[in-house]
C-alpha cells in the first residue's frame, strides 16, 4: 500500500457561523469518519493546523507573516491514509465532512524516501 496525504482546504468550521450544536454535530462527523478509516486500516495519522503561519523564502531567506490566503484557500489540516492508488485515495476523500461547508481536499501521494 502507498501513503497519500489528504490536504483539507477552504473551511474552518469555527468561522462557519455554526451554532454550538451544529459545530458539535459537524465534529462528530469528523470523528466518525476517522473511526471508519481506522477500522478499515487506512488511517495513518492526521491533524488540524493552526491558522497563523509564517512564510520563509528567497535566496537570503526572509520570514514574513502569512500567507494570508482567502478563506477558500486556507489549509486547515491533513490526513495520511493508505491506499493502492491515487484514485482509491481520492475515493476515501469523498467522505470528507467539510464538503457541506464548501471545502475541498487535495490528494497527493507521499514519496517514499
C-alpha atoms as a PDB file:
ATOM      1  CA  UNK A   1       0.000   0.000   0.000  1.00  0.00           C
ATOM      2  CA  UNK A   2       1.103   3.525  -0.740  1.00  0.00           C
ATOM      3  CA  UNK A   3       0.564   6.537   1.501  1.00  0.00           C
ATOM      4  CA  UNK A   4      -1.376   9.604   0.412  1.00  0.00           C
ATOM      5  CA  UNK A   5      -1.865  12.978   2.041  1.00  0.00           C
ATOM      6  CA  UNK A   6      -5.363  14.415   2.075  1.00  0.00           C
ATOM      7  CA  UNK A   7      -4.955  18.177   2.450  1.00  0.00           C
ATOM      8  CA  UNK A   8      -8.114  19.894   3.684  1.00  0.00           C
ATOM      9  CA  UNK A   9      -8.614  23.288   2.052  1.00  0.00           C
ATOM     10  CA  UNK A  10     -11.047  26.121   2.413  1.00  0.00           C
ATOM     11  CA  UNK A  11     -13.006  25.618   5.576  1.00  0.00           C
ATOM     12  CA  UNK A  12     -12.587  26.499   9.186  1.00  0.00           C
ATOM     13  CA  UNK A  13     -15.661  25.199  10.982  1.00  0.00           C
ATOM     14  CA  UNK A  14     -15.068  27.712  13.780  1.00  0.00           C
ATOM     15  CA  UNK A  15     -15.663  30.513  11.234  1.00  0.00           C
ATOM     16  CA  UNK A  16     -18.615  28.833   9.502  1.00  0.00           C
ATOM     17  CA  UNK A  17     -21.140  30.541  11.800  1.00  0.00           C
ATOM     18  CA  UNK A  18     -22.394  27.212  13.082  1.00  0.00           C
ATOM     19  CA  UNK A  19     -24.347  27.083  16.315  1.00  0.00           C
ATOM     20  CA  UNK A  20     -22.677  25.138  19.158  1.00  0.00           C
ATOM     21  CA  UNK A  21     -24.982  22.177  18.433  1.00  0.00           C
ATOM     22  CA  UNK A  22     -24.201  22.317  14.701  1.00  0.00           C
ATOM     23  CA  UNK A  23     -20.466  22.536  15.454  1.00  0.00           C
ATOM     24  CA  UNK A  24     -20.677  19.527  17.758  1.00  0.00           C
ATOM     25  CA  UNK A  25     -22.606  17.568  15.107  1.00  0.00           C
ATOM     26  CA  UNK A  26     -20.055  18.552  12.436  1.00  0.00           C
ATOM     27  CA  UNK A  27     -17.121  17.465  14.606  1.00  0.00           C
ATOM     28  CA  UNK A  28     -18.975  14.224  15.302  1.00  0.00           C
ATOM     29  CA  UNK A  29     -18.957  13.562  11.547  1.00  0.00           C
ATOM     30  CA  UNK A  30     -15.177  14.028  11.518  1.00  0.00           C
ATOM     31  CA  UNK A  31     -14.670  11.631  14.441  1.00  0.00           C
ATOM     32  CA  UNK A  32     -16.981   9.061  12.813  1.00  0.00           C
ATOM     33  CA  UNK A  33     -15.046   9.343   9.540  1.00  0.00           C
ATOM     34  CA  UNK A  34     -11.726   8.883  11.340  1.00  0.00           C
ATOM     35  CA  UNK A  35     -13.100   5.884  13.248  1.00  0.00           C
ATOM     36  CA  UNK A  36     -14.300   4.268   9.996  1.00  0.00           C
ATOM     37  CA  UNK A  37     -10.893   4.820   8.351  1.00  0.00           C
ATOM     38  CA  UNK A  38      -9.137   3.322  11.390  1.00  0.00           C
ATOM     39  CA  UNK A  39     -11.471   0.309  11.309  1.00  0.00           C
ATOM     40  CA  UNK A  40     -10.547  -0.262   7.642  1.00  0.00           C
ATOM     41  CA  UNK A  41      -6.823   0.099   8.413  1.00  0.00           C
ATOM     42  CA  UNK A  42      -6.403   3.019   6.013  1.00  0.00           C
ATOM     43  CA  UNK A  43      -5.872   5.867   8.513  1.00  0.00           C
ATOM     44  CA  UNK A  44      -2.234   6.569   9.395  1.00  0.00           C
ATOM     45  CA  UNK A  45      -2.433   9.990  11.058  1.00  0.00           C
ATOM     46  CA  UNK A  46      -3.921  13.437  10.763  1.00  0.00           C
ATOM     47  CA  UNK A  47      -4.008  16.775  12.477  1.00  0.00           C
ATOM     48  CA  UNK A  48      -5.675  20.152  12.185  1.00  0.00           C
ATOM     49  CA  UNK A  49      -3.444  23.174  11.577  1.00  0.00           C
ATOM     50  CA  UNK A  50      -3.441  26.461  13.470  1.00  0.00           C
ATOM     51  CA  UNK A  51      -4.386  29.284  11.031  1.00  0.00           C
ATOM     52  CA  UNK A  52      -1.428  31.554  11.962  1.00  0.00           C
ATOM     53  CA  UNK A  53       1.597  30.973   9.708  1.00  0.00           C
ATOM     54  CA  UNK A  54       4.966  32.294   8.572  1.00  0.00           C
ATOM     55  CA  UNK A  55       6.436  32.184   5.072  1.00  0.00           C
ATOM     56  CA  UNK A  56      10.181  31.782   4.557  1.00  0.00           C
ATOM     57  CA  UNK A  57      11.530  32.472   1.060  1.00  0.00           C
ATOM     58  CA  UNK A  58      14.306  33.992  -1.025  1.00  0.00           C
ATOM     59  CA  UNK A  59      17.986  33.341  -1.681  1.00  0.00           C
ATOM     60  CA  UNK A  60      18.708  35.097   1.600  1.00  0.00           C
ATOM     61  CA  UNK A  61      15.661  33.727   3.414  1.00  0.00           C
ATOM     62  CA  UNK A  62      13.262  36.308   4.764  1.00  0.00           C
ATOM     63  CA  UNK A  63      10.498  35.419   7.208  1.00  0.00           C
ATOM     64  CA  UNK A  64       7.138  37.155   6.811  1.00  0.00           C
ATOM     65  CA  UNK A  65       3.707  36.726   8.344  1.00  0.00           C
ATOM     66  CA  UNK A  66       1.248  34.764   6.286  1.00  0.00           C
ATOM     67  CA  UNK A  67       0.347  33.510   3.800  1.00  0.00           C
ATOM     68  CA  UNK A  68      -2.889  35.449   4.025  1.00  0.00           C
ATOM     69  CA  UNK A  69      -4.963  33.298   1.719  1.00  0.00           C
ATOM     70  CA  UNK A  70      -8.619  33.857   1.036  1.00  0.00           C
ATOM     71  CA  UNK A  71     -10.740  31.666   3.284  1.00  0.00           C
ATOM     72  CA  UNK A  72     -11.442  29.320   0.365  1.00  0.00           C
ATOM     73  CA  UNK A  73      -7.672  28.662   0.085  1.00  0.00           C
ATOM     74  CA  UNK A  74      -6.805  28.098   3.759  1.00  0.00           C
ATOM     75  CA  UNK A  75      -5.139  24.775   4.512  1.00  0.00           C
ATOM     76  CA  UNK A  76      -6.875  23.577   7.659  1.00  0.00           C
ATOM     77  CA  UNK A  77      -5.276  20.196   8.239  1.00  0.00           C
ATOM     78  CA  UNK A  78      -4.293  16.870   6.757  1.00  0.00           C
ATOM     79  CA  UNK A  79      -4.628  13.102   6.968  1.00  0.00           C
ATOM     80  CA  UNK A  80      -2.181  10.467   5.837  1.00  0.00           C
ATOM     81  CA  UNK A  81      -4.052   7.431   4.501  1.00  0.00           C
ATOM     82  CA  UNK A  82      -3.062   4.120   2.940  1.00  0.00           C
ATOM     83  CA  UNK A  83      -4.413   3.257  -0.488  1.00  0.00           C
ATOM     84  CA  UNK A  84      -3.323   1.235  -3.513  1.00  0.00           C
ATOM     85  CA  UNK A  85      -3.710   4.167  -5.938  1.00  0.00           C
ATOM     86  CA  UNK A  86      -4.403   7.891  -6.098  1.00  0.00           C
ATOM     87  CA  UNK A  87      -7.872   7.046  -7.399  1.00  0.00           C
ATOM     88  CA  UNK A  88      -8.576   4.969  -4.300  1.00  0.00           C
ATOM     89  CA  UNK A  89      -7.243   7.763  -2.073  1.00  0.00           C
ATOM     90  CA  UNK A  90      -9.487  10.257  -3.883  1.00  0.00           C
ATOM     91  CA  UNK A  91     -12.399   7.921  -3.192  1.00  0.00           C
ATOM     92  CA  UNK A  92     -11.528   7.979   0.508  1.00  0.00           C
ATOM     93  CA  UNK A  93     -11.501  11.795   0.374  1.00  0.00           C
ATOM     94  CA  UNK A  94     -15.068  11.856  -0.960  1.00  0.00           C
ATOM     95  CA  UNK A  95     -16.358  11.246   2.582  1.00  0.00           C
ATOM     96  CA  UNK A  96     -14.803  14.437   3.992  1.00  0.00           C
ATOM     97  CA  UNK A  97     -17.397  16.228   6.153  1.00  0.00           C
ATOM     98  CA  UNK A  98     -16.216  19.692   5.068  1.00  0.00           C
ATOM     99  CA  UNK A  99     -17.696  19.412   1.576  1.00  0.00           C
ATOM    100  CA  UNK A 100     -21.022  20.524   3.050  1.00  0.00           C
ATOM    101  CA  UNK A 101     -19.246  23.719   4.189  1.00  0.00           C
ATOM    102  CA  UNK A 102     -17.676  24.379   0.773  1.00  0.00           C
ATOM    103  CA  UNK A 103     -14.326  22.738   1.486  1.00  0.00           C
ATOM    104  CA  UNK A 104     -12.013  20.872  -0.868  1.00  0.00           C
ATOM    105  CA  UNK A 105      -9.482  18.082  -0.479  1.00  0.00           C
ATOM    106  CA  UNK A 106      -6.205  17.900  -2.372  1.00  0.00           C
ATOM    107  CA  UNK A 107      -4.909  14.323  -2.682  1.00  0.00           C
ATOM    108  CA  UNK A 108      -1.152  13.808  -3.081  1.00  0.00           C
ATOM    109  CA  UNK A 109       0.965  10.670  -2.984  1.00  0.00           C
ATOM    110  CA  UNK A 110       3.656  10.733  -0.306  1.00  0.00           C
ATOM    111  CA  UNK A 111       7.024   9.913  -1.876  1.00  0.00           C
ATOM    112  CA  UNK A 112       8.987   7.119  -0.232  1.00  0.00           C
ATOM    113  CA  UNK A 113      12.462   8.210   0.797  1.00  0.00           C
END
